[in-house]
Amino acid sequence: MMVEIAWPRFQPNSALIQWYQRRFAGGGLRMRRIGIVALARRLLIALWRYLAEGVIPEGARLIASEI
């Protein structure tokens, strides 16, 4: 599930996506697959920090919810 959430289309201006593009975008299919798993792991850590400490990931946008 984290790999699905990590695809770059959701937050294209975040620091995590920019890291992924610098590191893996120029590589082949195998490197991009490895990169998306690495990105998913970093995203999981960033989400954990957000929940535990309230630290918003750099470059991420929060969307107001109607809940």
Protein backbone atom coordinates (compact mmCIF):
# COMPACT_ATOMS: atom_id res chain seq x y z
CA MET A 1 0.00 0.00 0.00
CA MET A 2 2.85 2.41 0.76
CA VAL A 3 4.29 1.90 -2.72
CA GLU A 4 0.95 2.90 -4.25
CA ILE A 5 0.79 6.04 -2.10
CA ALA A 6 4.40 6.95 -2.90
CA TRP A 7 3.94 7.48 -6.65
CA PRO A 8 5.03 11.03 -7.55
CA ARG A 9 1.67 12.19 -8.93
CA PHE A 10 0.22 13.02 -5.50
CA GLN A 11 2.72 15.61 -4.19
CA PRO A 12 4.96 16.61 -7.12
CA ASN A 13 6.63 19.52 -5.28
CA SER A 14 7.55 17.73 -2.05
CA ALA A 15 11.16 17.26 -1.04
CA LEU A 16 10.74 13.47 -1.09
CA ILE A 17 9.59 13.47 -4.73
CA GLN A 18 12.40 15.80 -5.73
CA TRP A 19 14.87 13.44 -4.05
CA TYR A 20 13.38 10.51 -5.99
CA GLN A 21 13.60 12.36 -9.29
CA ARG A 22 17.22 13.41 -8.72
CA ARG A 23 18.25 9.92 -7.65
CA PHE A 24 16.21 7.53 -9.80
CA ALA A 25 14.35 9.26 -12.66
CA GLY A 26 17.27 8.96 -15.07
CA GLY A 27 17.69 5.23 -14.45
CA GLY A 28 16.08 2.30 -16.12
CA LEU A 29 12.92 0.50 -15.10
CA ARG A 30 14.69 -1.63 -12.48
CA MET A 31 16.25 1.42 -10.82
CA ARG A 32 12.92 3.25 -10.76
CA ARG A 33 11.27 0.24 -9.11
CA ILE A 34 13.97 0.15 -6.46
CA GLY A 35 13.59 3.90 -6.06
CA ILE A 36 9.84 3.81 -5.52
CA VAL A 37 10.31 1.32 -2.67
CA ALA A 38 12.96 3.60 -1.14
CA LEU A 39 10.58 6.53 -1.55
CA ALA A 40 7.76 4.58 0.12
CA ARG A 41 10.01 3.88 3.10
CA ARG A 42 10.96 7.55 3.40
CA LEU A 43 7.31 8.53 3.10
CA LEU A 44 6.38 6.13 5.90
CA ILE A 45 9.00 7.73 8.14
CA ALA A 46 7.75 11.22 7.24
CA LEU A 47 4.15 10.24 8.00
CA TRP A 48 5.21 8.73 11.32
CA ARG A 49 7.00 11.98 12.22
CA TYR A 50 3.88 13.91 11.28
CA LEU A 51 1.70 11.78 13.54
CA ALA A 52 4.15 11.58 16.44
CA GLU A 53 5.57 15.11 16.44
CA GLY A 54 3.36 17.15 14.11
CA VAL A 55 6.24 17.85 11.69
CA ILE A 56 4.90 18.40 8.17
CA PRO A 57 7.16 16.95 5.45
CA GLU A 58 9.08 19.61 3.57
CA GLY A 59 7.24 20.85 0.50
CA ALA A 60 4.05 18.90 1.26
CA ARG A 61 0.65 20.57 0.97
CA LEU A 62 -2.12 19.89 3.43
CA ILE A 63 -5.66 19.96 2.08
CA ALA A 64 -8.46 21.03 4.40
CA SER A 65 -10.87 18.24 5.10
CA GLU A 66 -14.61 18.55 5.67
CA ILE A 67 -14.61 15.90 8.39
